[in-house]
Amino acid sequence: MSRRVIGGLAALMLSGSIAMAAIAELKANAHGHYVTHAAINGHDIAVLVDTGATTVALSYEDASTAGLRPSNLEFDVPVSTANGVARAARVKIDRISIEGIEVEDVDGLVLPEGALRGTLLGMSFLGRLSSFRVEDGVLLLKDCDAFRRSSGVSAWPSAGPATNLAP
């Protein structure tokens, strides 16, 4: 497989066929964490990519910014946090976008006010991508479906099952 990245889109050579994919490359910060900005329901929100988080977990404040109206949610899902057990609210996030990669209808949780600082971008988002992996301190996110959705292409060349390699 060969790859050429052009502004977040990559042309991939797979088994003799050319396919397009959205690729995001995130560099680790000084602490080894992958922090970036995502458009959540069209609103710019800082996120920490967390392969250990089952779902996208939003702070109460970020949920409000994203238009999820946390004051109207039912906080009935027990979750373990660094500060102990809390009750979260289930939400369906319309759209999360990072550098040309877009995933719709993402499951998430909203934590009570003050229970979480920032937002964790967990496996309910990452698991919907074609693949993600770490190479030389860079987290690579790939979404082959991005081109198909935007172009209307219905068939897609396959190089086998997607691989999700956690750091």
Foldseek 3Di string as FASTA:
>chain_A
DDWDDDQQKIWDQAPNDTAIKGKDKFFADPVLWGWDWKQFCHFTFIETEDAPDAFKEFEPVVCVRNVVPVVPFDQACWDQDPVGIFTWGWDFTQWIDDSLDIDGRFIYIYTYHPPDDGMYHYCSVQVQAQEWDDDPRMIMTIHRVSCCVVPVDDDDDDNDGRDYDDD
